[in-house]
Amino acid sequence: GDEKTPETLRHHFSFVSVEKSSAESYRSRHSDATPPPSESDHSDGNRVEASPRRALSLQKRQGLPRKVSRTGGGMIQLSISYSEENARLLVIVLKAKDLPMRKGGQAPDVVVRMHLYSNLDRRKHSKKSTSVKRANPDPVFNESFTLHCLANDLDHVTLVVSVMDHQEDRVGKVLLGRVSLGAESSGEREARHWLDVVSKETAGRNVTAWHALRK
């Protein structure tokens, strides 16, 4: 029920390793890519056409995620951009949908927590939280958060986004589901989203995608 610490996240995810390379070298391999529109949107499953080099890069990741148990945890829509110049990772929590109801049929009071941590020393770089949306299984947030991350750290950081039911009158915050993006992504879609965020062709531009929440 309670949110797990970064040290125990490995026991709750089926991780996908993102190809290890510095942001600079990754971007140099894609320098001939066609610039994208102002925002790349994966939300409807219509991805920006991947270049041959990007497709090869994606194929080099070590395996695909194993099947993860889901309990109707719903989905969350995130829009993310990265600015190397400002060492800024901008995360916009747009909305969630189909979140599970409480026992008895009550809608959850939803809050989204996120933290960015290093896979090298498990140290948290940043921790943020949205406002609470009361009694709503399909909450709309449209809240943005800035996380500091140097370009050299992009290869070994993970962004964990947890959706919680804020039950003040009972047992505190109950985990509804979470996703992780970065060095230890929780699925192939999360790994692809992260690769698109840090690639040169989307530098400084928002990349938007829906993600299925996992327990």
N, C-alpha and C. Protein backbone atom coordinates (compact mmCIF):
# COMPACT_ATOMS: atom_id res chain seq x y z
N GLY A 1 0.79 -1.20 0.00
CA GLY A 1 0.00 0.00 0.00
C GLY A 1 0.82 1.25 0.00
N ASP A 2 1.79 1.42 0.94
CA ASP A 2 2.55 2.65 1.02
C ASP A 2 3.57 2.72 -0.09
N GLU A 3 3.99 3.94 -0.40
CA GLU A 3 4.97 4.14 -1.47
C GLU A 3 6.30 3.52 -1.09
N LYS A 4 6.89 2.81 -2.04
CA LYS A 4 8.17 2.17 -1.78
C LYS A 4 9.33 3.15 -2.00
N THR A 5 10.43 2.92 -1.32
CA THR A 5 11.64 3.72 -1.49
C THR A 5 12.36 3.29 -2.75
N PRO A 6 13.25 4.16 -3.29
CA PRO A 6 13.97 3.80 -4.51
C PRO A 6 14.72 2.49 -4.38
N GLU A 7 15.19 2.14 -3.15
CA GLU A 7 15.97 0.91 -2.99
C GLU A 7 15.15 -0.33 -3.28
N THR A 8 13.82 -0.22 -3.13
CA THR A 8 12.99 -1.41 -3.32
C THR A 8 12.26 -1.41 -4.64
N LEU A 9 12.53 -0.43 -5.49
CA LEU A 9 11.80 -0.34 -6.74
C LEU A 9 12.09 -1.52 -7.66
N ARG A 10 13.30 -2.10 -7.56
CA ARG A 10 13.66 -3.21 -8.44
C ARG A 10 12.73 -4.40 -8.23
N HIS A 11 12.15 -4.50 -7.02
CA HIS A 11 11.27 -5.63 -6.73
C HIS A 11 9.87 -5.42 -7.25
N HIS A 12 9.57 -4.23 -7.75
CA HIS A 12 8.20 -3.92 -8.18
C HIS A 12 8.10 -3.63 -9.67
N PHE A 13 9.21 -3.63 -10.36
CA PHE A 13 9.19 -3.34 -11.78
C PHE A 13 9.88 -4.44 -12.56
N SER A 14 9.57 -4.50 -13.82
CA SER A 14 10.35 -5.27 -14.76
C SER A 14 11.11 -4.24 -15.57
N PHE A 15 12.37 -4.05 -15.29
CA PHE A 15 13.10 -2.92 -15.83
C PHE A 15 13.61 -3.19 -17.25
N VAL A 16 13.69 -2.10 -18.01
CA VAL A 16 14.32 -2.15 -19.30
C VAL A 16 15.52 -1.22 -19.25
N SER A 17 16.69 -1.69 -19.60
CA SER A 17 17.90 -0.88 -19.57
C SER A 17 17.97 -0.03 -20.81
N VAL A 18 18.15 1.28 -20.61
CA VAL A 18 18.32 2.19 -21.73
C VAL A 18 19.77 2.17 -22.15
N GLU A 19 20.03 2.23 -23.44
CA GLU A 19 21.39 2.15 -23.97
C GLU A 19 22.28 3.17 -23.29
N LYS A 20 23.42 2.73 -22.83
CA LYS A 20 24.32 3.58 -22.08
C LYS A 20 25.21 4.38 -23.02
N SER A 21 25.00 5.69 -23.04
CA SER A 21 25.85 6.60 -23.81
C SER A 21 25.61 7.98 -23.27
N SER A 22 26.57 8.86 -23.40
CA SER A 22 26.39 10.22 -22.91
C SER A 22 25.39 10.93 -23.78
N ALA A 23 24.79 12.00 -23.25
CA ALA A 23 23.80 12.74 -24.03
C ALA A 23 24.44 13.29 -25.30
N GLU A 24 25.69 13.73 -25.18
CA GLU A 24 26.35 14.33 -26.33
C GLU A 24 26.57 13.31 -27.43
N SER A 25 27.07 12.12 -27.07
CA SER A 25 27.33 11.12 -28.09
C SER A 25 26.03 10.59 -28.67
N TYR A 26 25.00 10.47 -27.84
CA TYR A 26 23.70 10.02 -28.35
C TYR A 26 23.17 11.00 -29.38
N ARG A 27 23.26 12.28 -29.06
CA ARG A 27 22.73 13.29 -29.96
C ARG A 27 23.54 13.37 -31.23
N SER A 28 24.86 13.17 -31.15
CA SER A 28 25.68 13.24 -32.35
C SER A 28 25.32 12.15 -33.34
N ARG A 29 24.86 11.00 -32.86
CA ARG A 29 24.47 9.91 -33.75
C ARG A 29 23.18 10.22 -34.48
N HIS A 30 22.42 11.22 -33.97
CA HIS A 30 21.14 11.57 -34.58
C HIS A 30 21.15 12.96 -35.19
N SER A 31 22.33 13.49 -35.45
CA SER A 31 22.44 14.87 -35.92
C SER A 31 21.83 15.07 -37.30
N ASP A 32 21.66 13.98 -38.07
CA ASP A 32 21.10 14.12 -39.40
C ASP A 32 19.60 13.90 -39.42
N ALA A 33 18.98 13.80 -38.25
CA ALA A 33 17.54 13.53 -38.19
C ALA A 33 16.75 14.76 -38.57
N THR A 34 15.57 14.57 -39.13
CA THR A 34 14.69 15.67 -39.50
C THR A 34 14.07 16.30 -38.26
N PRO A 35 14.11 17.64 -38.13
CA PRO A 35 13.53 18.27 -36.95
C PRO A 35 12.06 17.93 -36.82
N PRO A 36 11.58 17.73 -35.58
CA PRO A 36 10.19 17.35 -35.37
C PRO A 36 9.29 18.56 -35.31
N PRO A 37 7.99 18.37 -35.24
CA PRO A 37 7.08 19.49 -34.97
C PRO A 37 7.30 20.00 -33.57
N SER A 38 6.57 21.07 -33.18
CA SER A 38 6.81 21.70 -31.90
C SER A 38 6.58 20.76 -30.74
N GLU A 39 5.74 19.73 -30.92
CA GLU A 39 5.52 18.78 -29.85
C GLU A 39 5.32 17.40 -30.44
N SER A 40 6.04 16.41 -29.93
CA SER A 40 5.87 15.04 -30.36
C SER A 40 4.85 14.39 -29.45
N ASP A 41 3.81 13.82 -30.03
CA ASP A 41 2.72 13.28 -29.24
C ASP A 41 2.56 11.80 -29.49
N HIS A 42 2.75 10.99 -28.43
CA HIS A 42 2.56 9.55 -28.53
C HIS A 42 1.21 9.17 -27.93
N SER A 43 0.41 10.14 -27.52
CA SER A 43 -0.76 9.85 -26.71
C SER A 43 -1.79 9.00 -27.42
N ASP A 44 -1.85 9.09 -28.74
CA ASP A 44 -2.82 8.29 -29.48
C ASP A 44 -2.15 7.13 -30.21
N GLY A 45 -0.92 6.84 -29.82
CA GLY A 45 -0.20 5.74 -30.44
C GLY A 45 0.42 6.11 -31.78
N ASN A 46 0.37 7.41 -32.18
CA ASN A 46 0.95 7.84 -33.45
C ASN A 46 2.31 8.45 -33.20
N ARG A 47 3.34 7.62 -33.27
CA ARG A 47 4.68 8.08 -32.99
C ARG A 47 5.25 8.83 -34.18
N VAL A 48 6.14 9.80 -33.89
CA VAL A 48 6.92 10.43 -34.93
C VAL A 48 7.77 9.35 -35.58
N GLU A 49 7.85 9.33 -36.90
CA GLU A 49 8.58 8.29 -37.60
C GLU A 49 10.03 8.26 -37.14
N ALA A 50 10.48 7.11 -36.70
CA ALA A 50 11.83 6.97 -36.18
C ALA A 50 12.82 6.87 -37.32
N SER A 51 13.99 7.51 -37.16
CA SER A 51 15.05 7.40 -38.15
C SER A 51 15.66 6.00 -38.07
N PRO A 52 16.34 5.53 -39.14
CA PRO A 52 16.99 4.21 -39.09
C PRO A 52 17.95 4.08 -37.93
N ARG A 53 18.68 5.16 -37.63
CA ARG A 53 19.63 5.10 -36.53
C ARG A 53 18.91 4.93 -35.20
N ARG A 54 17.79 5.64 -35.03
CA ARG A 54 17.06 5.51 -33.78
C ARG A 54 16.49 4.10 -33.64
N ALA A 55 15.97 3.56 -34.75
CA ALA A 55 15.43 2.21 -34.69
C ALA A 55 16.50 1.22 -34.27
N LEU A 56 17.72 1.39 -34.80
CA LEU A 56 18.82 0.51 -34.43
C LEU A 56 19.16 0.66 -32.96
N SER A 57 19.14 1.92 -32.49
CA SER A 57 19.44 2.18 -31.09
C SER A 57 18.44 1.49 -30.18
N LEU A 58 17.15 1.56 -30.56
CA LEU A 58 16.12 0.93 -29.75
C LEU A 58 16.28 -0.58 -29.73
N GLN A 59 16.71 -1.16 -30.85
CA GLN A 59 16.88 -2.60 -30.92
C GLN A 59 18.03 -3.08 -30.05
N LYS A 60 18.97 -2.20 -29.75
CA LYS A 60 20.13 -2.59 -28.98
C LYS A 60 19.85 -2.69 -27.48
N ARG A 61 18.69 -2.18 -27.05
CA ARG A 61 18.40 -2.30 -25.63
C ARG A 61 18.34 -3.75 -25.23
N GLN A 62 18.72 -4.04 -24.03
CA GLN A 62 18.84 -5.43 -23.59
C GLN A 62 17.47 -6.00 -23.23
N GLY A 63 16.83 -6.61 -24.21
CA GLY A 63 15.59 -7.32 -23.96
C GLY A 63 14.38 -6.43 -23.84
N LEU A 64 13.22 -7.07 -23.76
CA LEU A 64 11.95 -6.38 -23.59
C LEU A 64 11.44 -6.63 -22.18
N PRO A 65 10.57 -5.76 -21.68
CA PRO A 65 10.07 -5.95 -20.32
C PRO A 65 9.26 -7.23 -20.20
N ARG A 66 9.41 -7.91 -19.10
CA ARG A 66 8.57 -9.08 -18.84
C ARG A 66 7.15 -8.61 -18.54
N LYS A 67 6.21 -9.53 -18.65
CA LYS A 67 4.81 -9.18 -18.40
C LYS A 67 4.65 -8.77 -16.94
N VAL A 68 4.08 -7.59 -16.74
CA VAL A 68 3.93 -7.05 -15.40
C VAL A 68 2.48 -7.19 -14.96
N SER A 69 2.26 -7.62 -13.73
CA SER A 69 0.90 -7.76 -13.23
C SER A 69 0.26 -6.39 -13.08
N ARG A 70 -0.98 -6.27 -13.52
CA ARG A 70 -1.71 -5.02 -13.41
C ARG A 70 -3.02 -5.29 -12.71
N THR A 71 -3.49 -4.32 -11.95
CA THR A 71 -4.74 -4.51 -11.22
C THR A 71 -5.72 -3.38 -11.56
N GLY A 72 -5.80 -3.05 -12.85
CA GLY A 72 -6.70 -1.97 -13.26
C GLY A 72 -6.26 -0.64 -12.72
N GLY A 73 -4.93 -0.42 -12.69
CA GLY A 73 -4.39 0.79 -12.10
C GLY A 73 -4.57 2.05 -12.89
N GLY A 74 -5.13 1.97 -14.11
CA GLY A 74 -5.37 3.16 -14.90
C GLY A 74 -4.14 3.61 -15.66
N MET A 75 -4.19 4.86 -16.15
CA MET A 75 -3.13 5.41 -16.98
C MET A 75 -2.85 6.85 -16.57
N ILE A 76 -1.64 7.32 -16.94
CA ILE A 76 -1.27 8.71 -16.69
C ILE A 76 -0.64 9.28 -17.95
N GLN A 77 -0.94 10.56 -18.25
CA GLN A 77 -0.39 11.24 -19.40
C GLN A 77 0.65 12.25 -18.94
N LEU A 78 1.87 12.12 -19.47
CA LEU A 78 2.99 12.98 -19.10
C LEU A 78 3.53 13.67 -20.35
N SER A 79 3.94 14.91 -20.18
CA SER A 79 4.63 15.64 -21.24
C SER A 79 5.97 16.09 -20.67
N ILE A 80 7.07 15.69 -21.32
CA ILE A 80 8.40 15.89 -20.76
C ILE A 80 9.32 16.53 -21.79
N SER A 81 10.16 17.43 -21.35
CA SER A 81 11.20 18.01 -22.21
C SER A 81 12.49 18.14 -21.42
N TYR A 82 13.61 18.22 -22.15
CA TYR A 82 14.90 18.40 -21.48
C TYR A 82 15.69 19.51 -22.18
N SER A 83 16.25 20.40 -21.38
CA SER A 83 17.12 21.47 -21.87
C SER A 83 18.52 21.26 -21.33
N GLU A 84 19.45 20.89 -22.23
CA GLU A 84 20.83 20.67 -21.79
C GLU A 84 21.46 21.99 -21.33
N GLU A 85 21.12 23.08 -22.01
CA GLU A 85 21.69 24.38 -21.67
C GLU A 85 21.36 24.78 -20.23
N ASN A 86 20.12 24.50 -19.80
CA ASN A 86 19.70 24.87 -18.45
C ASN A 86 19.75 23.71 -17.47
N ALA A 87 20.19 22.53 -17.96
CA ALA A 87 20.21 21.31 -17.13
C ALA A 87 18.84 21.12 -16.46
N ARG A 88 17.79 21.25 -17.29
CA ARG A 88 16.43 21.26 -16.76
C ARG A 88 15.59 20.17 -17.41
N LEU A 89 15.01 19.34 -16.56
CA LEU A 89 14.04 18.35 -17.00
C LEU A 89 12.66 18.87 -16.59
N LEU A 90 11.84 19.20 -17.57
CA LEU A 90 10.51 19.74 -17.31
C LEU A 90 9.48 18.63 -17.46
N VAL A 91 8.75 18.34 -16.39
CA VAL A 91 7.74 17.29 -16.39
C VAL A 91 6.37 17.94 -16.18
N ILE A 92 5.48 17.74 -17.12
CA ILE A 92 4.11 18.23 -17.00
C ILE A 92 3.18 17.04 -16.78
N VAL A 93 2.53 17.02 -15.63
CA VAL A 93 1.54 15.99 -15.35
C VAL A 93 0.22 16.50 -15.91
N LEU A 94 -0.23 15.90 -17.01
CA LEU A 94 -1.43 16.38 -17.69
C LEU A 94 -2.70 15.83 -17.06
N LYS A 95 -2.86 14.52 -17.08
CA LYS A 95 -4.09 13.93 -16.56
C LYS A 95 -3.88 12.44 -16.30
N ALA A 96 -4.82 11.85 -15.59
CA ALA A 96 -4.88 10.40 -15.39
C ALA A 96 -6.29 9.95 -15.73
N LYS A 97 -6.44 8.64 -15.97
CA LYS A 97 -7.77 8.13 -16.29
C LYS A 97 -7.91 6.68 -15.85
N ASP A 98 -9.15 6.29 -15.65
CA ASP A 98 -9.50 4.90 -15.30
C ASP A 98 -8.81 4.43 -14.02
N LEU A 99 -8.66 5.33 -13.06
CA LEU A 99 -8.04 4.93 -11.79
C LEU A 99 -9.02 4.07 -10.99
N PRO A 100 -8.50 3.12 -10.22
CA PRO A 100 -9.39 2.22 -9.48
C PRO A 100 -10.15 2.94 -8.37
N MET A 101 -11.36 2.51 -8.15
CA MET A 101 -12.20 3.06 -7.09
C MET A 101 -11.81 2.42 -5.76
N ARG A 102 -12.15 3.08 -4.67
CA ARG A 102 -11.95 2.50 -3.35
C ARG A 102 -12.99 1.41 -3.10
N LYS A 103 -12.72 0.61 -2.11
CA LYS A 103 -13.70 -0.38 -1.70
C LYS A 103 -14.96 0.37 -1.25
N GLY A 104 -16.10 -0.07 -1.71
CA GLY A 104 -17.33 0.63 -1.41
C GLY A 104 -17.76 1.55 -2.52
N GLY A 105 -16.91 1.68 -3.58
CA GLY A 105 -17.30 2.46 -4.74
C GLY A 105 -16.95 3.92 -4.71
N GLN A 106 -16.22 4.37 -3.69
CA GLN A 106 -15.83 5.78 -3.61
C GLN A 106 -14.69 6.09 -4.57
N ALA A 107 -14.74 7.27 -5.18
CA ALA A 107 -13.66 7.70 -6.08
C ALA A 107 -12.45 8.14 -5.25
N PRO A 108 -11.24 7.93 -5.76
CA PRO A 108 -10.03 8.28 -5.00
C PRO A 108 -9.75 9.79 -5.00
N ASP A 109 -9.06 10.23 -3.95
CA ASP A 109 -8.50 11.58 -3.90
C ASP A 109 -7.06 11.46 -4.41
N VAL A 110 -6.81 11.96 -5.61
CA VAL A 110 -5.59 11.60 -6.33
C VAL A 110 -4.50 12.66 -6.19
N VAL A 111 -3.29 12.21 -5.90
CA VAL A 111 -2.11 13.06 -5.91
C VAL A 111 -1.01 12.30 -6.65
N VAL A 112 -0.20 13.02 -7.42
CA VAL A 112 0.89 12.40 -8.17
C VAL A 112 2.22 12.87 -7.57
N ARG A 113 3.03 11.91 -7.21
CA ARG A 113 4.37 12.19 -6.69
C ARG A 113 5.41 11.77 -7.73
N MET A 114 6.50 12.50 -7.78
CA MET A 114 7.59 12.11 -8.67
C MET A 114 8.92 12.39 -8.01
N HIS A 115 9.89 11.55 -8.30
CA HIS A 115 11.24 11.83 -7.86
C HIS A 115 12.23 11.33 -8.89
N LEU A 116 13.32 12.04 -8.97
CA LEU A 116 14.41 11.71 -9.88
C LEU A 116 15.57 11.24 -9.02
N TYR A 117 16.04 10.03 -9.27
CA TYR A 117 17.13 9.52 -8.45
C TYR A 117 18.24 8.92 -9.31
N SER A 118 19.42 8.86 -8.74
CA SER A 118 20.59 8.31 -9.43
C SER A 118 20.65 6.81 -9.24
N ASN A 119 20.89 6.10 -10.33
CA ASN A 119 21.06 4.66 -10.25
C ASN A 119 22.46 4.27 -9.77
N LEU A 120 23.34 5.23 -9.67
CA LEU A 120 24.70 4.95 -9.21
C LEU A 120 24.77 4.87 -7.70
N ASP A 121 24.13 5.82 -7.02
CA ASP A 121 24.20 5.84 -5.56
C ASP A 121 22.82 5.81 -4.90
N ARG A 122 21.75 5.66 -5.75
CA ARG A 122 20.37 5.60 -5.28
C ARG A 122 19.95 6.90 -4.58
N ARG A 123 20.68 7.96 -4.80
CA ARG A 123 20.38 9.24 -4.15
C ARG A 123 19.31 10.00 -4.93
N LYS A 124 18.33 10.56 -4.22
CA LYS A 124 17.30 11.36 -4.85
C LYS A 124 17.87 12.72 -5.26
N HIS A 125 17.62 13.11 -6.50
CA HIS A 125 18.02 14.43 -6.97
C HIS A 125 16.92 15.45 -6.68
N SER A 126 15.69 15.06 -6.93
CA SER A 126 14.55 15.97 -6.74
C SER A 126 13.31 15.17 -6.38
N LYS A 127 12.39 15.83 -5.68
CA LYS A 127 11.11 15.21 -5.35
C LYS A 127 10.02 16.27 -5.46
N LYS A 128 8.95 15.96 -6.17
CA LYS A 128 7.87 16.90 -6.40
C LYS A 128 6.52 16.22 -6.18
N SER A 129 5.47 17.03 -6.03
CA SER A 129 4.14 16.49 -5.83
C SER A 129 3.09 17.45 -6.37
N THR A 130 2.03 16.90 -6.95
CA THR A 130 0.94 17.72 -7.46
C THR A 130 -0.02 18.08 -6.33
N SER A 131 -1.01 18.87 -6.67
CA SER A 131 -2.11 19.11 -5.75
C SER A 131 -2.99 17.86 -5.71
N VAL A 132 -3.91 17.81 -4.75
CA VAL A 132 -4.81 16.66 -4.60
C VAL A 132 -6.11 16.95 -5.34
N LYS A 133 -6.51 16.02 -6.19
CA LYS A 133 -7.79 16.12 -6.90
C LYS A 133 -8.80 15.21 -6.20
N ARG A 134 -9.80 15.82 -5.62
CA ARG A 134 -10.73 15.10 -4.75
C ARG A 134 -11.77 14.30 -5.55
N ALA A 135 -11.99 13.07 -5.09
CA ALA A 135 -13.08 12.20 -5.56
C ALA A 135 -13.19 12.19 -7.09
N ASN A 136 -12.10 11.79 -7.74
CA ASN A 136 -12.09 11.83 -9.20
C ASN A 136 -11.19 10.71 -9.75
N PRO A 137 -11.76 9.72 -10.42
CA PRO A 137 -10.95 8.66 -11.01
C PRO A 137 -10.31 9.04 -12.34
N ASP A 138 -10.67 10.23 -12.85
CA ASP A 138 -10.12 10.73 -14.12
C ASP A 138 -9.65 12.18 -13.94
N PRO A 139 -8.70 12.40 -13.04
CA PRO A 139 -8.32 13.78 -12.70
C PRO A 139 -7.50 14.46 -13.79
N VAL A 140 -7.69 15.77 -13.91
CA VAL A 140 -6.90 16.61 -14.81
C VAL A 140 -6.03 17.52 -13.95
N PHE A 141 -4.72 17.51 -14.20
CA PHE A 141 -3.79 18.28 -13.38
C PHE A 141 -3.24 19.50 -14.14
N ASN A 142 -2.59 19.27 -15.27
CA ASN A 142 -1.93 20.34 -16.02
C ASN A 142 -0.97 21.12 -15.13
N GLU A 143 -0.17 20.39 -14.37
CA GLU A 143 0.81 21.00 -13.47
C GLU A 143 2.22 20.65 -13.94
N SER A 144 3.10 21.65 -13.93
CA SER A 144 4.47 21.46 -14.43
C SER A 144 5.48 21.55 -13.30
N PHE A 145 6.56 20.79 -13.45
CA PHE A 145 7.59 20.71 -12.43
C PHE A 145 8.96 20.69 -13.11
N THR A 146 9.90 21.42 -12.52
CA THR A 146 11.25 21.48 -13.05
C THR A 146 12.19 20.69 -12.15
N LEU A 147 12.91 19.74 -12.75
CA LEU A 147 13.87 18.92 -12.04
C LEU A 147 15.25 19.19 -12.61
N HIS A 148 16.22 19.37 -11.74
CA HIS A 148 17.59 19.66 -12.19
C HIS A 148 18.31 18.36 -12.53
N CYS A 149 18.90 18.31 -13.73
CA CYS A 149 19.64 17.11 -14.14
C CYS A 149 20.69 17.50 -15.17
N LEU A 150 21.96 17.27 -14.87
CA LEU A 150 23.04 17.54 -15.81
C LEU A 150 23.00 16.55 -16.96
N ALA A 151 23.44 16.98 -18.14
CA ALA A 151 23.42 16.11 -19.31
C ALA A 151 24.23 14.84 -19.09
N ASN A 152 25.33 14.95 -18.37
CA ASN A 152 26.16 13.77 -18.11
C ASN A 152 25.48 12.74 -17.22
N ASP A 153 24.40 13.16 -16.54
CA ASP A 153 23.69 12.25 -15.63
C ASP A 153 22.51 11.56 -16.29
N LEU A 154 22.18 11.91 -17.53
CA LEU A 154 20.99 11.37 -18.17
C LEU A 154 21.04 9.86 -18.34
N ASP A 155 22.24 9.30 -18.44
CA ASP A 155 22.38 7.86 -18.67
C ASP A 155 22.09 7.03 -17.42
N HIS A 156 22.15 7.64 -16.25
CA HIS A 156 22.03 6.84 -15.02
C HIS A 156 21.08 7.46 -14.00
N VAL A 157 20.04 8.14 -14.50
CA VAL A 157 18.99 8.62 -13.60
C VAL A 157 17.66 8.00 -14.02
N THR A 158 16.76 7.87 -13.07
CA THR A 158 15.42 7.33 -13.34
C THR A 158 14.38 8.27 -12.73
N LEU A 159 13.37 8.60 -13.52
CA LEU A 159 12.24 9.39 -13.06
C LEU A 159 11.12 8.44 -12.69
N VAL A 160 10.71 8.46 -11.43
CA VAL A 160 9.63 7.60 -10.95
C VAL A 160 8.40 8.46 -10.68
N VAL A 161 7.28 8.12 -11.30
CA VAL A 161 6.03 8.85 -11.14
C VAL A 161 5.02 7.92 -10.48
N SER A 162 4.57 8.29 -9.29
CA SER A 162 3.65 7.45 -8.51
C SER A 162 2.31 8.15 -8.35
N VAL A 163 1.23 7.44 -8.63
CA VAL A 163 -0.12 7.97 -8.46
C VAL A 163 -0.68 7.38 -7.17
N MET A 164 -1.11 8.27 -6.26
CA MET A 164 -1.53 7.86 -4.93
C MET A 164 -2.97 8.27 -4.66
N ASP A 165 -3.63 7.48 -3.80
CA ASP A 165 -4.93 7.86 -3.26
C ASP A 165 -4.67 8.47 -1.88
N HIS A 166 -4.95 9.76 -1.75
CA HIS A 166 -4.64 10.51 -0.52
C HIS A 166 -5.77 10.33 0.49
N GLN A 167 -5.70 9.25 1.25
CA GLN A 167 -6.76 8.92 2.20
C GLN A 167 -6.39 9.42 3.60
N GLU A 168 -6.66 10.69 3.85
CA GLU A 168 -6.26 11.31 5.12
C GLU A 168 -6.97 10.70 6.31
N ASP A 169 -8.21 10.26 6.10
CA ASP A 169 -9.01 9.79 7.23
C ASP A 169 -8.78 8.31 7.55
N ARG A 170 -7.92 7.64 6.74
CA ARG A 170 -7.75 6.20 6.95
C ARG A 170 -6.28 5.83 7.13
N VAL A 171 -5.61 5.48 6.05
CA VAL A 171 -4.24 4.95 6.18
C VAL A 171 -3.21 5.79 5.44
N GLY A 172 -3.51 7.06 5.24
CA GLY A 172 -2.56 7.90 4.53
C GLY A 172 -2.65 7.69 3.03
N LYS A 173 -1.52 7.69 2.35
CA LYS A 173 -1.50 7.59 0.90
C LYS A 173 -1.38 6.13 0.46
N VAL A 174 -2.29 5.71 -0.42
CA VAL A 174 -2.32 4.35 -0.93
C VAL A 174 -1.87 4.38 -2.39
N LEU A 175 -0.90 3.54 -2.73
CA LEU A 175 -0.38 3.50 -4.09
C LEU A 175 -1.42 2.91 -5.04
N LEU A 176 -1.75 3.67 -6.10
CA LEU A 176 -2.63 3.17 -7.16
C LEU A 176 -1.81 2.57 -8.30
N GLY A 177 -0.63 3.10 -8.51
CA GLY A 177 0.25 2.60 -9.57
C GLY A 177 1.36 3.58 -9.84
N ARG A 178 2.39 3.12 -10.55
CA ARG A 178 3.52 4.00 -10.88
C ARG A 178 4.16 3.58 -12.18
N VAL A 179 4.94 4.49 -12.73
CA VAL A 179 5.76 4.21 -13.91
C VAL A 179 7.14 4.81 -13.68
N SER A 180 8.14 4.28 -14.36
CA SER A 180 9.48 4.84 -14.28
C SER A 180 10.06 5.01 -15.68
N LEU A 181 10.79 6.11 -15.88
CA LEU A 181 11.40 6.41 -17.16
C LEU A 181 12.87 6.75 -16.92
N GLY A 182 13.72 6.29 -17.82
CA GLY A 182 15.15 6.60 -17.69
C GLY A 182 16.00 5.35 -17.73
N ALA A 183 17.04 5.34 -16.90
CA ALA A 183 17.98 4.22 -16.90
C ALA A 183 17.31 2.91 -16.54
N GLU A 184 16.29 2.96 -15.71
CA GLU A 184 15.56 1.76 -15.31
C GLU A 184 14.07 1.96 -15.60
N SER A 185 13.74 1.97 -16.88
CA SER A 185 12.36 2.19 -17.30
C SER A 185 11.51 0.97 -16.97
N SER A 186 10.24 1.21 -16.67
CA SER A 186 9.35 0.12 -16.27
C SER A 186 8.74 -0.61 -17.45
N GLY A 187 9.00 -0.19 -18.67
CA GLY A 187 8.46 -0.87 -19.84
C GLY A 187 9.07 -0.28 -21.11
N GLU A 188 8.76 -0.91 -22.23
CA GLU A 188 9.31 -0.46 -23.50
C GLU A 188 8.80 0.93 -23.87
N ARG A 189 7.53 1.19 -23.62
CA ARG A 189 6.97 2.50 -23.97
C ARG A 189 7.65 3.60 -23.16
N GLU A 190 7.94 3.31 -21.88
CA GLU A 190 8.62 4.30 -21.04
C GLU A 190 10.05 4.54 -21.52
N ALA A 191 10.72 3.46 -21.93
CA ALA A 191 12.09 3.60 -22.44
C ALA A 191 12.11 4.43 -23.72
N ARG A 192 11.15 4.19 -24.60
CA ARG A 192 11.07 4.96 -25.85
C ARG A 192 10.79 6.44 -25.57
N HIS A 193 9.88 6.69 -24.63
CA HIS A 193 9.56 8.07 -24.28
C HIS A 193 10.81 8.81 -23.80
N TRP A 194 11.57 8.16 -22.93
CA TRP A 194 12.78 8.79 -22.40
C TRP A 194 13.80 9.04 -23.51
N LEU A 195 14.01 8.07 -24.38
CA LEU A 195 14.95 8.25 -25.48
C LEU A 195 14.56 9.42 -26.37
N ASP A 196 13.26 9.57 -26.61
CA ASP A 196 12.80 10.70 -27.43
C ASP A 196 13.02 12.03 -26.71
N VAL A 197 12.84 12.06 -25.41
CA VAL A 197 13.02 13.29 -24.64
C VAL A 197 14.48 13.77 -24.72
N VAL A 198 15.45 12.86 -24.63
CA VAL A 198 16.86 13.26 -24.55
C VAL A 198 17.53 13.31 -25.91
N SER A 199 16.84 12.98 -27.00
CA SER A 199 17.45 13.02 -28.32
C SER A 199 17.51 14.45 -28.85
N LYS A 200 18.44 14.69 -29.77
CA LYS A 200 18.65 16.04 -30.29
C LYS A 200 17.44 16.56 -31.06
N GLU A 201 16.76 15.68 -31.77
CA GLU A 201 15.67 16.14 -32.63
C GLU A 201 14.48 16.65 -31.84
N THR A 202 14.41 16.36 -30.54
CA THR A 202 13.33 16.92 -29.71
C THR A 202 13.87 17.78 -28.58
N ALA A 203 15.11 18.25 -28.71
CA ALA A 203 15.74 19.03 -27.65
C ALA A 203 14.89 20.26 -27.30
N GLY A 204 14.52 20.36 -26.03
CA GLY A 204 13.76 21.51 -25.56
C GLY A 204 12.28 21.46 -25.91
N ARG A 205 11.83 20.41 -26.59
CA ARG A 205 10.44 20.31 -27.01
C ARG A 205 9.72 19.25 -26.17
N ASN A 206 8.46 19.47 -25.92
CA ASN A 206 7.70 18.52 -25.11
C ASN A 206 7.40 17.24 -25.90
N VAL A 207 7.60 16.11 -25.25
CA VAL A 207 7.23 14.81 -25.82
C VAL A 207 6.15 14.23 -24.90
N THR A 208 4.99 13.96 -25.47
CA THR A 208 3.82 13.57 -24.68
C THR A 208 3.45 12.12 -24.93
N ALA A 209 3.09 11.41 -23.85
CA ALA A 209 2.69 10.01 -23.99
C ALA A 209 1.82 9.58 -22.82
N TRP A 210 0.94 8.61 -23.09
CA TRP A 210 0.18 7.93 -22.05
C TRP A 210 0.99 6.74 -21.56
N HIS A 211 0.91 6.45 -20.25
CA HIS A 211 1.61 5.32 -19.68
C HIS A 211 0.66 4.54 -18.78
N ALA A 212 0.68 3.20 -18.92
CA ALA A 212 -0.12 2.34 -18.06
C ALA A 212 0.54 2.24 -16.69
N LEU A 213 -0.23 2.46 -15.64
CA LEU A 213 0.29 2.38 -14.28
C LEU A 213 0.48 0.94 -13.86
N ARG A 214 1.57 0.68 -13.15
CA ARG A 214 1.90 -0.66 -12.68
C ARG A 214 2.01 -0.67 -11.17
N LYS A 215 1.68 -1.77 -10.61
CA LYS A 215 1.83 -1.94 -9.14
C LYS A 215 3.24 -2.40 -8.82
